[in-house]
């Protein structure tokens, strides 16, 4: 029996009841990326560091600042799992409590710099007159090397956790501002945004519903890199003697205290150095994965 062209068109047209191929969700694409061995190891390492930092007091540690002259440079044993340093302080305890300091610095610097950079960047991108002044200030801050600016701020105000956080946050703000400003400028030139402006949409609604949501994905990616940069900057400042006081257990302080005895007791530097390197590497790998997943051009390939 022959069919007419109209019947063939009906037969070839997919019905609305047939399932359509939907785009994989972000969670599914993230799980698919986590199947890669480097990405999986990065998630495990970073989760382990967070776990050790949170539960450090309950993982067989002692007082990380307790000095015991009779146990100077003790070797690994049931009492001192990773040995002790020049003051008899337990290296294992200082290593775990140092993770707390690094996470506080990393998360605090990330949250503050992203929040301040978002506010400044939105106003700079939306108001041309504000943009001319703000971006010149940001360019001036970015012209100064971040580590030198941090050392200068700590030297002027004193070495405390708050001042170290401020010294790390200030150089990171201009980078966030430039990122947010570029996103706002791109969104502001879209046709639907210009139409909303012509229709008299209030500014606050324009920002909260159309502009600021577009900055979330880039800020998440940028936040992962700020997190790693903040931890590294704190360790660098402490290693140079311009960071936290030496008695505070941080990975930078541990490496600074142990560098004099590195040839005789290399573990004093290697233990915190290895943990620091693995943490930074894991954070950067996760940041690369999030960038690929949140970037629309890269997401089409996943």
Protein backbone atom coordinates (compact mmCIF):
# COMPACT_ATOMS: atom_id res chain seq x y z
CA UNK A 1 0.00 0.00 0.00
CA UNK A 2 1.46 3.38 -1.01
CA UNK A 3 1.48 6.39 1.28
CA UNK A 4 0.95 9.97 0.32
CA UNK A 5 3.63 12.66 0.89
CA UNK A 6 1.56 14.09 3.73
CA UNK A 7 1.44 10.70 5.40
CA UNK A 8 5.19 10.31 5.02
CA UNK A 9 5.74 13.70 6.66
CA UNK A 10 3.56 12.68 9.57
CA UNK A 11 5.44 9.40 9.96
CA UNK A 12 8.83 11.09 9.84
CA UNK A 13 7.93 13.76 12.38
CA UNK A 14 8.85 12.74 15.96
CA UNK A 15 5.92 12.75 18.33
CA UNK A 16 5.92 14.93 21.41
CA UNK A 17 5.75 11.83 23.58
CA UNK A 18 9.18 10.56 22.45
CA UNK A 19 12.03 11.39 24.81
CA UNK A 20 14.32 14.15 23.62
CA UNK A 21 18.04 14.21 24.24
CA UNK A 22 18.47 16.62 27.13
CA UNK A 23 21.68 18.43 27.95
CA UNK A 24 23.51 16.75 30.84
CA UNK A 25 23.18 18.63 34.10
CA UNK A 26 26.13 20.32 35.79
CA UNK A 27 26.25 17.66 38.51
CA UNK A 28 26.31 14.86 35.94
CA UNK A 29 29.08 16.52 33.95
CA UNK A 30 31.02 17.09 37.17
CA UNK A 31 30.72 13.41 38.07
CA UNK A 32 31.81 12.50 34.57
CA UNK A 33 34.90 14.71 34.92
CA UNK A 34 35.64 13.19 38.34
CA UNK A 35 36.17 9.82 36.67
CA UNK A 36 39.52 11.11 35.49
CA UNK A 37 42.24 9.94 37.87
CA UNK A 38 43.94 13.36 38.38
CA UNK A 39 40.61 15.04 39.09
CA UNK A 40 39.52 12.29 41.46
CA UNK A 41 42.81 12.46 43.34
CA UNK A 42 42.49 16.26 43.58
CA UNK A 43 39.02 16.00 45.14
CA UNK A 44 40.21 13.32 47.57
CA UNK A 45 43.30 15.28 48.63
CA UNK A 46 41.40 18.51 49.18
CA UNK A 47 38.64 16.70 51.10
CA UNK A 48 41.28 14.99 53.23
CA UNK A 49 42.96 18.31 54.06
CA UNK A 50 39.61 19.78 55.09
CA UNK A 51 38.84 16.73 57.20
CA UNK A 52 42.22 16.86 58.97
CA UNK A 53 41.84 20.58 59.62
CA UNK A 54 38.36 20.27 61.11
CA UNK A 55 39.06 17.24 63.29
CA UNK A 56 42.68 18.04 64.17
CA UNK A 57 42.13 18.09 67.97
CA UNK A 58 40.63 14.58 67.86
CA UNK A 59 43.21 12.88 65.63
CA UNK A 60 45.90 12.10 68.21
CA UNK A 61 47.42 15.57 68.26
CA UNK A 62 48.91 17.47 71.18
CA UNK A 63 49.30 21.17 71.90
CA UNK A 64 51.02 22.47 68.73
CA UNK A 65 52.76 25.31 70.57
CA UNK A 66 53.89 23.30 73.63
CA UNK A 67 57.70 23.45 73.94
CA UNK A 68 59.57 20.40 75.26
CA UNK A 69 63.36 20.97 75.30
CA UNK A 70 63.95 17.34 76.26
CA UNK A 71 62.38 16.15 72.99
CA UNK A 72 64.29 18.35 70.54
CA UNK A 73 64.66 16.73 67.11
CA UNK A 74 63.01 13.52 68.24
CA UNK A 75 62.69 10.90 65.53
CA UNK A 76 59.39 9.37 64.42
CA UNK A 77 57.84 7.29 67.19
CA UNK A 78 54.52 6.46 68.81
CA UNK A 79 54.76 9.73 70.76
CA UNK A 80 55.87 11.95 67.87
CA UNK A 81 54.55 10.45 64.63
CA UNK A 82 56.52 12.84 62.41
CA UNK A 83 59.20 13.71 64.97
CA UNK A 84 59.69 17.06 66.69
CA UNK A 85 61.33 20.36 65.75
CA UNK A 86 64.11 22.44 67.32
CA UNK A 87 61.85 23.44 70.23
CA UNK A 88 60.50 19.96 70.89
CA UNK A 89 57.12 20.76 69.35
CA UNK A 90 55.28 17.86 67.72
CA UNK A 91 55.52 18.16 63.92
CA UNK A 92 52.40 16.06 63.31
CA UNK A 93 50.28 18.30 65.55
CA UNK A 94 51.63 21.48 63.98
CA UNK A 95 51.01 20.07 60.52
CA UNK A 96 47.33 19.37 61.19
CA UNK A 97 46.70 22.62 63.02
CA UNK A 98 48.58 24.44 60.27
CA UNK A 99 45.94 23.17 57.86
CA UNK A 100 43.37 25.09 59.91
CA UNK A 101 45.31 28.32 59.51
CA UNK A 102 45.73 27.78 55.78
CA UNK A 103 42.03 27.03 55.24
CA UNK A 104 40.98 30.05 57.30
CA UNK A 105 43.28 32.29 55.28
CA UNK A 106 42.26 30.76 51.97
CA UNK A 107 38.50 30.82 52.56
CA UNK A 108 38.54 34.21 54.27
CA UNK A 109 40.56 35.85 51.50
CA UNK A 110 38.41 34.22 48.82
CA UNK A 111 35.10 35.28 50.34
CA UNK A 112 36.18 38.86 51.10
CA UNK A 113 37.95 39.53 47.80
CA UNK A 114 35.11 38.05 45.73
CA UNK A 115 32.45 39.99 47.64
CA UNK A 116 34.27 43.33 47.50
CA UNK A 117 35.37 42.80 43.92
CA UNK A 118 31.80 41.94 42.90
CA UNK A 119 30.36 45.13 44.39
CA UNK A 120 33.06 47.38 42.95
CA UNK A 121 33.05 45.63 39.57
CA UNK A 122 29.28 45.89 39.18
CA UNK A 123 29.31 49.64 39.78
CA UNK A 124 32.35 50.10 37.54
CA UNK A 125 30.71 48.18 34.70
CA UNK A 126 27.28 49.78 35.01
CA UNK A 127 28.25 53.43 35.56
CA UNK A 128 30.76 54.82 33.03
CA UNK A 129 31.73 57.76 35.25
CA UNK A 130 32.53 55.47 38.16
CA UNK A 131 34.41 53.16 35.82
CA UNK A 132 36.89 55.87 34.81
CA UNK A 133 37.94 56.48 38.41
CA UNK A 134 37.72 52.97 39.85
CA UNK A 135 39.70 51.24 37.12
CA UNK A 136 42.57 53.71 37.38
CA UNK A 137 42.79 52.91 41.08
CA UNK A 138 42.67 49.18 40.34
CA UNK A 139 45.41 49.57 37.72
CA UNK A 140 47.56 51.35 40.27
CA UNK A 141 47.13 48.56 42.82
CA UNK A 142 47.86 45.88 40.21
CA UNK A 143 51.05 47.70 39.20
CA UNK A 144 52.56 46.88 42.60
CA UNK A 145 53.79 43.26 43.01
CA UNK A 146 51.33 41.51 45.30
CA UNK A 147 53.95 39.97 47.59
CA UNK A 148 55.68 43.35 48.08
CA UNK A 149 52.37 45.04 48.79
CA UNK A 150 51.51 42.32 51.32
CA UNK A 151 54.90 42.64 53.04
CA UNK A 152 54.49 46.42 53.24
CA UNK A 153 51.00 46.18 54.75
CA UNK A 154 52.08 43.60 57.33
CA UNK A 155 55.17 45.62 58.23
CA UNK A 156 53.10 48.76 58.81
CA UNK A 157 50.26 47.21 60.79
CA UNK A 158 51.92 44.26 62.56
CA UNK A 159 51.76 40.52 62.00
CA UNK A 160 48.37 39.19 63.04
CA UNK A 161 45.88 36.94 61.31
CA UNK A 162 43.65 39.90 60.43
CA UNK A 163 46.47 41.98 58.97
CA UNK A 164 47.75 39.02 56.95
CA UNK A 165 44.24 38.49 55.57
CA UNK A 166 43.98 42.17 54.63
CA UNK A 167 47.41 42.04 53.01
CA UNK A 168 46.28 39.08 50.89
CA UNK A 169 42.83 40.46 50.06
CA UNK A 170 43.93 43.88 48.79
CA UNK A 171 46.02 42.61 45.82
CA UNK A 172 43.28 40.13 44.83
CA UNK A 173 40.44 42.67 44.64
CA UNK A 174 41.56 44.34 41.36
CA UNK A 175 41.61 40.97 39.56
CA UNK A 176 38.03 40.25 40.63
CA UNK A 177 36.94 43.78 39.73
CA UNK A 178 38.31 43.46 36.20
CA UNK A 179 36.57 40.11 35.75
CA UNK A 180 33.18 41.32 37.01
CA UNK A 181 33.45 44.57 35.04
CA UNK A 182 34.05 42.71 31.79
CA UNK A 183 31.04 40.46 32.40
CA UNK A 184 28.78 43.42 33.24
CA UNK A 185 29.90 45.31 30.13
CA UNK A 186 29.15 42.30 27.93
CA UNK A 187 25.72 41.75 29.47
CA UNK A 188 24.87 45.45 29.36
CA UNK A 189 25.32 45.45 25.56
CA UNK A 190 22.81 42.62 25.08
CA UNK A 191 19.55 43.47 23.31
CA UNK A 192 17.28 42.27 26.10
CA UNK A 193 19.11 44.43 28.65
CA UNK A 194 18.89 47.52 26.45
CA UNK A 195 15.20 46.83 25.95
CA UNK A 196 14.68 46.53 29.69
CA UNK A 197 16.46 49.85 30.22
CA UNK A 198 14.25 51.55 27.63
CA UNK A 199 11.16 50.13 29.36
CA UNK A 200 12.23 51.80 32.59
CA UNK A 201 13.22 48.72 34.58
CA UNK A 202 14.62 49.77 37.98
CA UNK A 203 18.38 49.58 38.32
CA UNK A 204 18.33 47.20 41.28
CA UNK A 205 16.12 44.75 39.41
CA UNK A 206 18.32 45.03 36.33
CA UNK A 207 21.42 44.19 38.36
CA UNK A 208 19.98 41.42 40.49
CA UNK A 209 17.99 39.61 37.78
CA UNK A 210 20.00 40.11 34.60
CA UNK A 211 23.58 41.13 35.36
CA UNK A 212 24.86 39.79 38.67
CA UNK A 213 23.72 36.18 38.00
CA UNK A 214 25.96 36.13 34.92
CA UNK A 215 29.00 36.72 37.14
CA UNK A 216 28.43 33.66 39.35
CA UNK A 217 30.12 31.09 37.13
CA UNK A 218 33.29 33.14 36.47
CA UNK A 219 33.53 34.07 40.15
CA UNK A 220 33.35 30.43 41.24
CA UNK A 221 36.28 29.61 39.00
CA UNK A 222 38.20 32.72 40.06
CA UNK A 223 37.53 31.87 43.70
CA UNK A 224 39.33 28.53 43.43
CA UNK A 225 42.46 30.26 42.14
CA UNK A 226 42.24 32.96 44.82
CA UNK A 227 41.98 30.21 47.43
CA UNK A 228 45.22 28.61 46.24
CA UNK A 229 46.95 31.98 45.82
CA UNK A 230 45.98 33.09 49.34
CA UNK A 231 47.38 29.93 50.93
CA UNK A 232 50.61 30.29 48.97
CA UNK A 233 50.95 33.98 49.83
CA UNK A 234 50.45 33.30 53.54
CA UNK A 235 53.08 30.54 53.44
CA UNK A 236 55.46 32.84 51.57
CA UNK A 237 54.98 35.68 54.05
CA UNK A 238 55.49 33.35 57.01
CA UNK A 239 58.57 31.80 55.40
CA UNK A 240 60.07 35.27 54.88
CA UNK A 241 59.29 36.23 58.49
CA UNK A 242 56.67 38.82 57.49
CA UNK A 243 53.59 36.74 58.14
CA UNK A 244 52.03 35.21 61.22
CA UNK A 245 54.03 35.07 64.46
CA UNK A 246 56.41 32.11 64.50
CA UNK A 247 54.64 30.37 67.39
CA UNK A 248 51.42 30.05 65.38
CA UNK A 249 51.39 26.67 63.61
CA UNK A 250 51.28 27.34 59.87
CA UNK A 251 52.94 25.55 57.02
CA UNK A 252 55.03 28.59 56.16
CA UNK A 253 56.26 28.97 59.74
CA UNK A 254 57.13 25.27 59.91
CA UNK A 255 59.27 25.52 56.77
CA UNK A 256 60.87 28.74 58.02
CA UNK A 257 61.78 27.15 61.37
CA UNK A 258 63.14 23.98 59.75
CA UNK A 259 65.19 25.45 56.90
CA UNK A 260 68.22 25.95 59.18
CA UNK A 261 68.29 22.24 59.99
CA UNK A 262 67.23 20.99 56.55
CA UNK A 263 70.40 18.98 55.85
CA UNK A 264 70.16 17.11 59.16
CA UNK A 265 66.36 16.91 59.49
CA UNK A 266 64.78 17.37 56.04
CA UNK A 267 61.37 16.26 57.27
CA UNK A 268 60.91 19.58 59.07
CA UNK A 269 60.61 21.24 55.66
CA UNK A 270 59.46 18.37 53.47
CA UNK A 271 56.35 17.43 55.46
CA UNK A 272 54.67 20.87 55.35
CA UNK A 273 56.06 21.53 51.87
CA UNK A 274 54.55 18.37 50.40
CA UNK A 275 51.16 18.99 52.02
CA UNK A 276 51.21 22.61 50.81
CA UNK A 277 52.11 21.58 47.25
CA UNK A 278 49.41 18.89 47.12
CA UNK A 279 46.78 21.30 48.43
CA UNK A 280 47.65 23.98 45.88
CA UNK A 281 47.81 21.48 43.03
CA UNK A 282 44.44 19.98 43.96
CA UNK A 283 42.80 23.39 44.17
CA UNK A 284 44.16 24.40 40.77
CA UNK A 285 43.02 21.14 39.15
CA UNK A 286 39.51 21.59 40.55
CA UNK A 287 39.52 25.18 39.33
CA UNK A 288 40.42 24.02 35.81
CA UNK A 289 37.61 21.46 35.88
CA UNK A 290 35.06 24.03 37.02
CA UNK A 291 36.24 26.45 34.34
CA UNK A 292 35.70 23.84 31.64
CA UNK A 293 32.28 22.89 32.98
CA UNK A 294 30.99 26.43 33.51
CA UNK A 295 32.33 27.86 30.27
CA UNK A 296 29.55 27.47 27.65
CA UNK A 297 32.07 26.89 24.83
CA UNK A 298 33.91 24.18 26.77
CA UNK A 299 30.71 22.66 28.16
CA UNK A 300 29.60 21.68 24.65
CA UNK A 301 32.57 19.32 24.43
CA UNK A 302 31.82 17.53 27.73
